[in-house]
Amino acid sequence: MGERGTPRQLPLDLQHDAAFSRDDLVVSPANADAVGLIDRWPDWPAPVVVLAGPAGSGKTHLGAIWREVSSAAEFEPGAIGESAIKAAEAGPVFIDDADRAGLDEQGLFHLINAVRGAGTQLLLTARRFPAAWGVKLPDLASRLKAATTVEIGEPDDLLLAGVITKLFADRQVEVEPHVVQYLVRRIERSLSTAIRVVDRLDRAALEQQSRITRALATEAVSALDEGQRELDL
């Protein structure tokens, strides 16, 4: 029971989907070049652009923003068929995680040719620069060398703090700046981890009917660390 005999409030099992609009984007030196490129579309230096950065750096968010403004068609990197070629002849195309295992190299080669021939654009996201993808098709490797590659760094303190503050604000939760700074120092440097820790803290605060304090943040971070250790075993 809570204070004055009220029953303890349990958090509803609601999913807080990640917001992928331009207004939800926090900009810092870590992603400024990539954001600038997205904002300049369609004035791009090359028809094929690669956003390269570590997991959790915000590549998917930027890709979603670009898809929204460009009405780009999205295709899986392992299945780039005739439908993708036709889409490229009509407008922009987006492929997320292009360097994952099983890349359709022949399909990507023909897609890039279609993009160049039609004067449209192709945006690829990846964890690594194209030269490190292990592409075996020489013609595709040559095409990727001609692409413009923009690096996204690991989230810096400014970016992580801004993201965490905004995630709490989106939930209409007030958090003291010192708690945000504690989270920035303690969590893995990725936007996905920031989302997870905010979700855990929001649920814990609702369940305990308390404010989000440093002590509550310590519990949440420790729980995330323990969960990660179990996954690593």
Protein backbone atom coordinates (compact mmCIF):
# COMPACT_ATOMS: atom_id res chain seq x y z
CA MET A 1 0.00 0.00 0.00
CA GLY A 2 1.19 3.51 -0.74
CA GLU A 3 0.80 6.63 1.39
CA ARG A 4 -2.62 7.25 3.01
CA GLY A 5 -3.73 3.73 2.27
CA THR A 6 -3.73 4.09 -1.50
CA PRO A 7 -2.82 0.96 -3.43
CA ARG A 8 0.65 0.80 -4.94
CA GLN A 9 0.63 2.06 -8.52
CA LEU A 10 1.87 -0.55 -10.97
CA PRO A 11 3.34 0.57 -14.29
CA LEU A 12 1.25 -0.22 -17.33
CA ASP A 13 2.92 -2.43 -19.88
CA LEU A 14 3.03 0.28 -22.51
CA GLN A 15 5.67 0.44 -25.20
CA HIS A 16 7.36 3.82 -25.62
CA ASP A 17 8.43 3.60 -29.22
CA ALA A 18 11.56 5.48 -30.11
CA ALA A 19 10.70 8.84 -31.65
CA PHE A 20 12.35 9.21 -35.03
CA SER A 21 11.27 12.68 -36.16
CA ARG A 22 13.68 15.53 -36.88
CA ASP A 23 12.41 17.41 -33.82
CA ASP A 24 13.39 14.45 -31.63
CA LEU A 25 16.98 14.52 -32.83
CA VAL A 26 19.65 15.74 -30.41
CA VAL A 27 22.69 17.15 -32.24
CA SER A 28 26.24 17.20 -30.89
CA PRO A 29 29.75 17.11 -32.39
CA ALA A 30 29.46 13.31 -32.50
CA ASN A 31 26.73 13.36 -35.16
CA ALA A 32 26.82 16.92 -36.52
CA ASP A 33 28.35 15.98 -39.90
CA ALA A 34 25.78 13.24 -40.49
CA VAL A 35 22.89 15.47 -39.44
CA GLY A 36 24.15 18.21 -41.75
CA LEU A 37 24.21 15.79 -44.66
CA ILE A 38 20.65 14.62 -44.01
CA ASP A 39 19.46 18.22 -43.69
CA ARG A 40 21.13 19.16 -47.01
CA TRP A 41 19.23 16.54 -49.02
CA PRO A 42 18.79 16.50 -51.99
CA ASP A 43 21.93 18.63 -52.35
CA TRP A 44 24.30 15.71 -51.79
CA PRO A 45 27.93 15.42 -52.93
CA ALA A 46 27.30 11.96 -54.44
CA PRO A 47 24.28 9.82 -55.37
CA VAL A 48 25.35 7.12 -52.90
CA VAL A 49 25.93 8.03 -49.25
CA VAL A 50 27.05 5.78 -46.40
CA LEU A 51 26.49 6.70 -42.74
CA ALA A 52 29.04 4.69 -40.75
CA GLY A 53 29.08 4.47 -36.97
CA PRO A 54 29.03 2.07 -34.03
CA ALA A 55 25.91 0.32 -32.75
CA GLY A 56 23.67 2.71 -30.85
CA SER A 57 25.09 5.85 -32.47
CA GLY A 58 21.80 6.92 -34.05
CA LYS A 59 22.18 5.70 -37.65
CA THR A 60 18.67 4.24 -37.75
CA HIS A 61 17.21 7.48 -36.39
CA LEU A 62 18.92 9.52 -39.10
CA GLY A 63 17.83 7.00 -41.73
CA ALA A 64 14.23 7.26 -40.55
CA ILE A 65 14.38 11.06 -40.74
CA TRP A 66 15.72 10.88 -44.28
CA ARG A 67 13.07 8.36 -45.32
CA GLU A 68 10.40 10.74 -44.01
CA VAL A 69 11.66 13.78 -45.90
CA SER A 70 12.63 11.95 -49.09
CA SER A 71 9.83 9.34 -49.25
CA ALA A 72 12.57 6.76 -49.85
CA ALA A 73 11.75 3.09 -50.31
CA GLU A 74 13.51 0.74 -47.86
CA PHE A 75 14.92 -2.68 -48.69
CA GLU A 76 16.79 -5.38 -46.77
CA PRO A 77 20.51 -5.70 -47.57
CA GLY A 78 20.21 -9.44 -48.15
CA ALA A 79 17.37 -9.21 -50.66
CA ILE A 80 17.93 -6.43 -53.23
CA GLY A 81 15.87 -7.56 -56.17
CA GLU A 82 14.05 -6.15 -59.17
CA SER A 83 11.61 -4.23 -56.96
CA ALA A 84 14.50 -2.26 -55.49
CA ILE A 85 15.84 -1.46 -58.96
CA LYS A 86 12.45 -0.18 -60.05
CA ALA A 87 12.13 1.87 -56.88
CA ALA A 88 15.54 3.44 -57.51
CA GLU A 89 14.49 4.45 -61.01
CA ALA A 90 11.56 6.36 -59.48
CA GLY A 91 13.05 7.85 -56.33
CA PRO A 92 15.42 7.53 -53.35
CA VAL A 93 16.20 4.21 -51.67
CA PHE A 94 17.34 3.40 -48.13
CA ILE A 95 19.16 0.29 -46.83
CA ASP A 96 19.88 -0.05 -43.10
CA ASP A 97 22.74 -2.16 -41.70
CA ALA A 98 24.27 -2.75 -45.12
CA ASP A 99 27.36 -4.42 -43.66
CA ARG A 100 25.50 -7.23 -41.91
CA ALA A 101 26.25 -10.79 -42.99
CA GLY A 102 24.60 -11.93 -46.21
CA LEU A 103 24.77 -8.71 -48.23
CA ASP A 104 23.35 -9.21 -51.72
CA GLU A 105 26.41 -7.90 -53.55
CA GLN A 106 25.08 -8.39 -57.07
CA GLY A 107 21.82 -6.74 -56.07
CA LEU A 108 23.58 -3.76 -54.49
CA PHE A 109 25.81 -3.34 -57.53
CA HIS A 110 22.80 -3.19 -59.88
CA LEU A 111 20.97 -0.91 -57.43
CA ILE A 112 23.83 1.59 -57.37
CA ASN A 113 23.93 1.55 -61.17
CA ALA A 114 20.18 2.21 -61.28
CA VAL A 115 20.52 5.09 -58.82
CA ARG A 116 23.32 6.66 -60.82
CA GLY A 117 21.48 6.18 -64.10
CA ALA A 118 18.23 7.68 -62.83
CA GLY A 119 19.82 10.54 -60.90
CA THR A 120 18.24 9.48 -57.61
CA GLN A 121 19.91 8.80 -54.25
CA LEU A 122 20.80 5.78 -52.12
CA LEU A 123 21.47 5.99 -48.38
CA LEU A 124 23.24 3.08 -46.68
CA THR A 125 23.95 2.76 -42.97
CA ALA A 126 26.66 0.50 -41.58
CA ARG A 127 28.85 -0.02 -38.55
CA ARG A 128 32.02 0.07 -40.64
CA PHE A 129 33.38 1.96 -43.61
CA PRO A 130 32.72 0.18 -46.94
CA ALA A 131 36.36 -0.88 -47.31
CA ALA A 132 35.90 -3.08 -44.21
CA TRP A 133 32.73 -4.83 -45.41
CA GLY A 134 34.64 -7.66 -47.03
CA VAL A 135 32.96 -7.15 -50.41
CA LYS A 136 34.09 -9.82 -52.86
CA LEU A 137 32.60 -8.36 -56.06
CA PRO A 138 35.28 -6.04 -57.53
CA ASP A 139 32.76 -3.89 -59.43
CA LEU A 140 30.74 -3.30 -56.24
CA ALA A 141 33.88 -2.45 -54.27
CA SER A 142 34.70 0.13 -56.93
CA ARG A 143 31.21 1.65 -56.74
CA LEU A 144 31.39 1.88 -52.95
CA LYS A 145 34.75 3.65 -53.13
CA ALA A 146 33.02 6.41 -55.08
CA ALA A 147 30.33 6.81 -52.40
CA THR A 148 30.41 9.61 -49.85
CA THR A 149 30.96 8.13 -46.40
CA VAL A 150 30.15 10.17 -43.31
CA GLU A 151 31.23 8.92 -39.90
CA ILE A 152 29.08 9.10 -36.78
CA GLY A 153 31.09 8.95 -33.58
CA GLU A 154 30.13 7.25 -30.35
CA PRO A 155 27.65 9.42 -28.44
CA ASP A 156 29.53 12.04 -26.44
CA ASP A 157 28.47 13.41 -23.05
CA LEU A 158 26.50 16.25 -24.62
CA LEU A 159 24.54 13.94 -26.90
CA LEU A 160 23.81 11.33 -24.21
CA ALA A 161 22.69 13.97 -21.71
CA GLY A 162 20.45 15.61 -24.29
CA VAL A 163 18.89 12.29 -25.30
CA ILE A 164 18.28 11.17 -21.70
CA THR A 165 16.76 14.54 -20.77
CA LYS A 166 14.49 14.46 -23.80
CA LEU A 167 13.40 10.87 -23.19
CA PHE A 168 12.31 11.79 -19.68
CA ALA A 169 10.61 14.98 -20.92
CA ASP A 170 8.67 12.96 -23.51
CA ARG A 171 7.29 10.91 -20.60
CA GLN A 172 6.53 14.12 -18.66
CA VAL A 173 9.02 13.11 -15.97
CA GLU A 174 11.24 15.69 -14.28
CA VAL A 175 14.76 14.58 -13.44
CA GLU A 176 17.46 16.57 -11.69
CA PRO A 177 20.50 17.39 -13.86
CA HIS A 178 22.87 15.62 -11.45
CA VAL A 179 20.93 12.36 -12.00
CA VAL A 180 21.26 12.77 -15.77
CA GLN A 181 25.00 13.38 -15.43
CA TYR A 182 25.34 10.27 -13.26
CA LEU A 183 23.63 8.18 -15.94
CA VAL A 184 25.87 9.67 -18.64
CA ARG A 185 28.96 8.62 -16.68
CA ARG A 186 27.73 5.12 -15.90
CA ILE A 187 25.83 3.69 -18.88
CA GLU A 188 27.20 2.18 -22.07
CA ARG A 189 27.76 4.92 -24.62
CA SER A 190 24.87 4.11 -26.92
CA LEU A 191 21.47 5.64 -27.58
CA SER A 192 19.79 2.24 -27.30
CA THR A 193 21.13 1.85 -23.74
CA ALA A 194 19.90 5.35 -22.88
CA ILE A 195 16.41 4.34 -24.00
CA ARG A 196 16.53 1.15 -21.92
CA VAL A 197 17.70 2.86 -18.73
CA VAL A 198 15.08 5.61 -19.00
CA ASP A 199 12.38 2.99 -19.50
CA ARG A 200 13.58 1.02 -16.46
CA LEU A 201 13.73 4.15 -14.28
CA ASP A 202 10.29 5.34 -15.37
CA ARG A 203 8.75 1.96 -14.47
CA ALA A 204 10.56 1.79 -11.13
CA ALA A 205 9.47 5.31 -10.17
CA LEU A 206 5.85 4.51 -11.03
CA GLU A 207 5.93 1.27 -9.06
CA GLN A 208 7.52 2.87 -6.01
CA GLN A 209 5.60 6.15 -6.37
CA SER A 210 8.83 8.04 -5.99
CA ARG A 211 10.86 10.65 -7.78
CA ILE A 212 13.79 9.53 -9.89
CA THR A 213 16.71 9.91 -7.50
CA ARG A 214 20.41 9.10 -7.67
CA ALA A 215 19.76 5.98 -5.59
CA LEU A 216 17.06 4.78 -7.99
CA ALA A 217 19.36 5.50 -10.93
CA THR A 218 22.12 3.43 -9.28
CA GLU A 219 19.73 0.47 -8.93
CA ALA A 220 18.66 0.76 -12.58
CA VAL A 221 22.22 0.92 -13.90
CA SER A 222 23.29 -2.01 -11.73
CA ALA A 223 20.35 -4.06 -13.02
CA LEU A 224 21.28 -3.26 -16.62
CA ASP A 225 24.92 -4.18 -15.95
CA GLU A 226 23.88 -7.48 -14.41
CA GLY A 227 21.58 -8.26 -17.32
CA GLN A 228 24.40 -7.57 -19.78
CA ARG A 229 26.79 -9.84 -17.88
CA GLU A 230 24.23 -12.66 -18.07
CA LEU A 231 23.95 -12.16 -21.84
CA ASP A 232 27.73 -12.29 -22.18
CA LEU A 233 28.01 -15.64 -20.39
